[in-house]
Structure formats: structure tokens, C-alpha cells
Amino acid sequence: MQNLLHRHVQVAESLRLGVESGWYSTKISGTFVTGPHPTEAECLHKIAELNPVVPKRKA
């Protein structure tokens, strides 16, 4: 699974992109995966749901 990033899309950029303003989770390439989320915390929560941290096994 690839790592997702979080970013805020402000009004001016949202008009240019044709999306709502808010927080989005994105791939490294910049492709939107989820959103818009009203807060950064909610966006990070969604990223955590999609990319659960898998504990490393001790050798």
C-alpha cells in the first residue's frame, strides 16, 4: 500500500481544479484519494484508516 499525504486546497485553487475547498488525502503524484474533509484531523484519521500501521516483527 502506498503512503498518502494530506493537503489543504484553498478556494482559489479549488475553483481552478473544479473541486470543493477543504482537506484532501493524496497520492505522492498529487492524485486525490479522499476528501474534502472539513479539518486536517479528519483527513489524517481517514489516511490512518486506509494505511494502517503494521508493527514490525522482531527477527
N, C-alpha and C. Protein backbone atom coordinates (compact mmCIF):
# COMPACT_ATOMS: atom_id res chain seq x y z
N MET A 1 0.85 -1.17 0.00
CA MET A 1 0.00 0.00 0.00
C MET A 1 0.89 1.23 0.00
N GLN A 2 0.52 2.22 -0.76
CA GLN A 2 1.36 3.42 -0.81
C GLN A 2 0.97 4.42 0.25
N ASN A 3 1.93 5.24 0.63
CA ASN A 3 1.68 6.26 1.63
C ASN A 3 0.84 7.38 1.04
N LEU A 4 -0.08 7.88 1.84
CA LEU A 4 -0.91 9.01 1.42
C LEU A 4 -0.46 10.26 2.15
N LEU A 5 -0.59 11.38 1.49
CA LEU A 5 -0.27 12.68 2.06
C LEU A 5 -1.55 13.44 2.32
N HIS A 6 -1.48 14.49 3.12
CA HIS A 6 -2.63 15.35 3.32
C HIS A 6 -2.29 16.74 2.83
N ARG A 7 -3.26 17.41 2.24
CA ARG A 7 -3.03 18.78 1.79
C ARG A 7 -4.33 19.56 1.81
N HIS A 8 -4.20 20.85 1.99
CA HIS A 8 -5.36 21.73 2.01
C HIS A 8 -5.49 22.42 0.67
N VAL A 9 -6.68 22.38 0.10
CA VAL A 9 -6.97 23.07 -1.15
C VAL A 9 -7.78 24.31 -0.80
N GLN A 10 -7.19 25.48 -1.05
CA GLN A 10 -7.87 26.74 -0.74
C GLN A 10 -8.83 27.10 -1.87
N VAL A 11 -9.63 28.13 -1.64
CA VAL A 11 -10.72 28.50 -2.55
C VAL A 11 -10.21 28.77 -3.96
N ALA A 12 -9.16 29.57 -4.11
CA ALA A 12 -8.67 29.90 -5.45
C ALA A 12 -8.26 28.64 -6.23
N GLU A 13 -7.55 27.74 -5.56
CA GLU A 13 -7.13 26.50 -6.21
C GLU A 13 -8.32 25.59 -6.47
N SER A 14 -9.29 25.58 -5.55
CA SER A 14 -10.45 24.72 -5.74
C SER A 14 -11.25 25.14 -6.96
N LEU A 15 -11.35 26.44 -7.21
CA LEU A 15 -12.05 26.92 -8.40
C LEU A 15 -11.32 26.48 -9.67
N ARG A 16 -9.99 26.57 -9.64
CA ARG A 16 -9.20 26.16 -10.80
C ARG A 16 -9.31 24.66 -11.07
N LEU A 17 -9.35 23.86 -10.00
CA LEU A 17 -9.40 22.41 -10.14
C LEU A 17 -10.81 21.86 -10.31
N GLY A 18 -11.81 22.67 -9.96
CA GLY A 18 -13.19 22.20 -10.06
C GLY A 18 -13.59 21.29 -8.92
N VAL A 19 -13.00 21.50 -7.75
CA VAL A 19 -13.33 20.72 -6.55
C VAL A 19 -13.69 21.67 -5.42
N GLU A 20 -14.23 21.13 -4.34
CA GLU A 20 -14.55 21.94 -3.17
C GLU A 20 -13.28 22.23 -2.37
N SER A 21 -13.28 23.36 -1.69
CA SER A 21 -12.18 23.70 -0.80
C SER A 21 -12.22 22.77 0.41
N GLY A 22 -11.08 22.37 0.92
CA GLY A 22 -11.02 21.52 2.11
C GLY A 22 -9.74 20.71 2.13
N TRP A 23 -9.68 19.76 3.04
CA TRP A 23 -8.52 18.89 3.20
C TRP A 23 -8.73 17.62 2.38
N TYR A 24 -7.69 17.20 1.69
CA TYR A 24 -7.73 16.00 0.85
C TYR A 24 -6.55 15.10 1.17
N SER A 25 -6.79 13.79 1.06
CA SER A 25 -5.66 12.87 1.08
C SER A 25 -5.28 12.64 -0.37
N THR A 26 -3.97 12.62 -0.62
CA THR A 26 -3.50 12.48 -1.99
C THR A 26 -2.41 11.42 -2.07
N LYS A 27 -2.24 10.88 -3.27
CA LYS A 27 -1.10 10.02 -3.55
C LYS A 27 0.12 10.93 -3.70
N ILE A 28 1.30 10.35 -3.73
CA ILE A 28 2.53 11.11 -3.93
C ILE A 28 2.45 11.91 -5.23
N SER A 29 1.78 11.36 -6.25
CA SER A 29 1.66 12.01 -7.55
C SER A 29 0.75 13.24 -7.51
N GLY A 30 -0.02 13.39 -6.41
CA GLY A 30 -0.94 14.52 -6.30
C GLY A 30 -2.39 14.16 -6.59
N THR A 31 -2.64 12.92 -7.00
CA THR A 31 -4.00 12.47 -7.28
C THR A 31 -4.80 12.41 -5.99
N PHE A 32 -6.00 13.01 -6.00
CA PHE A 32 -6.86 12.99 -4.83
C PHE A 32 -7.37 11.58 -4.59
N VAL A 33 -7.38 11.17 -3.32
CA VAL A 33 -7.89 9.85 -2.94
C VAL A 33 -9.18 10.00 -2.16
N THR A 34 -9.19 10.84 -1.14
CA THR A 34 -10.41 11.10 -0.38
C THR A 34 -10.54 12.60 -0.12
N GLY A 35 -11.75 13.02 0.18
CA GLY A 35 -11.97 14.41 0.54
C GLY A 35 -13.11 15.00 -0.26
N PRO A 36 -13.49 16.18 0.05
CA PRO A 36 -12.84 17.06 1.02
C PRO A 36 -13.26 16.73 2.45
N HIS A 37 -12.34 16.93 3.36
CA HIS A 37 -12.59 16.77 4.78
C HIS A 37 -12.60 18.17 5.39
N PRO A 38 -13.48 18.42 6.36
CA PRO A 38 -13.58 19.77 6.94
C PRO A 38 -12.36 20.18 7.77
N THR A 39 -11.63 19.21 8.33
CA THR A 39 -10.47 19.54 9.16
C THR A 39 -9.29 18.65 8.78
N GLU A 40 -8.10 19.13 9.14
CA GLU A 40 -6.89 18.35 8.91
C GLU A 40 -6.94 17.05 9.73
N ALA A 41 -7.46 17.13 10.94
CA ALA A 41 -7.53 15.96 11.81
C ALA A 41 -8.40 14.86 11.19
N GLU A 42 -9.52 15.24 10.61
CA GLU A 42 -10.39 14.24 9.97
C GLU A 42 -9.71 13.62 8.76
N CYS A 43 -8.98 14.42 8.03
CA CYS A 43 -8.24 13.91 6.87
C CYS A 43 -7.18 12.91 7.32
N LEU A 44 -6.43 13.26 8.37
CA LEU A 44 -5.40 12.36 8.90
C LEU A 44 -6.01 11.07 9.44
N HIS A 45 -7.19 11.18 10.03
CA HIS A 45 -7.89 9.99 10.54
C HIS A 45 -8.24 9.06 9.38
N LYS A 46 -8.72 9.61 8.29
CA LYS A 46 -9.07 8.80 7.13
C LYS A 46 -7.84 8.13 6.53
N ILE A 47 -6.72 8.87 6.48
CA ILE A 47 -5.47 8.30 5.98
C ILE A 47 -5.05 7.13 6.86
N ALA A 48 -5.19 7.28 8.18
CA ALA A 48 -4.84 6.20 9.11
C ALA A 48 -5.73 4.97 8.89
N GLU A 49 -6.99 5.18 8.56
CA GLU A 49 -7.89 4.06 8.26
C GLU A 49 -7.45 3.31 7.00
N LEU A 50 -7.03 4.08 6.00
CA LEU A 50 -6.65 3.48 4.72
C LEU A 50 -5.26 2.87 4.75
N ASN A 51 -4.37 3.41 5.56
CA ASN A 51 -2.99 2.94 5.68
C ASN A 51 -2.67 2.57 7.11
N PRO A 52 -3.21 1.46 7.60
CA PRO A 52 -2.91 1.11 8.99
C PRO A 52 -1.43 0.82 9.17
N VAL A 53 -0.91 1.20 10.32
CA VAL A 53 0.50 0.93 10.64
C VAL A 53 0.63 -0.53 11.04
N VAL A 54 1.48 -1.24 10.34
CA VAL A 54 1.70 -2.65 10.63
C VAL A 54 2.95 -2.75 11.49
N PRO A 55 2.82 -3.31 12.68
CA PRO A 55 4.01 -3.42 13.55
C PRO A 55 5.07 -4.31 12.90
N LYS A 56 6.33 -3.89 13.05
CA LYS A 56 7.43 -4.68 12.51
C LYS A 56 7.71 -5.85 13.45
N ARG A 57 7.99 -7.00 12.84
CA ARG A 57 8.31 -8.18 13.64
C ARG A 57 9.79 -8.16 14.01
N LYS A 58 10.07 -8.61 15.21
CA LYS A 58 11.46 -8.72 15.63
C LYS A 58 12.05 -9.99 15.04
N ALA A 59 13.28 -9.88 14.61
CA ALA A 59 13.95 -11.02 13.98
C ALA A 59 14.50 -11.98 14.99
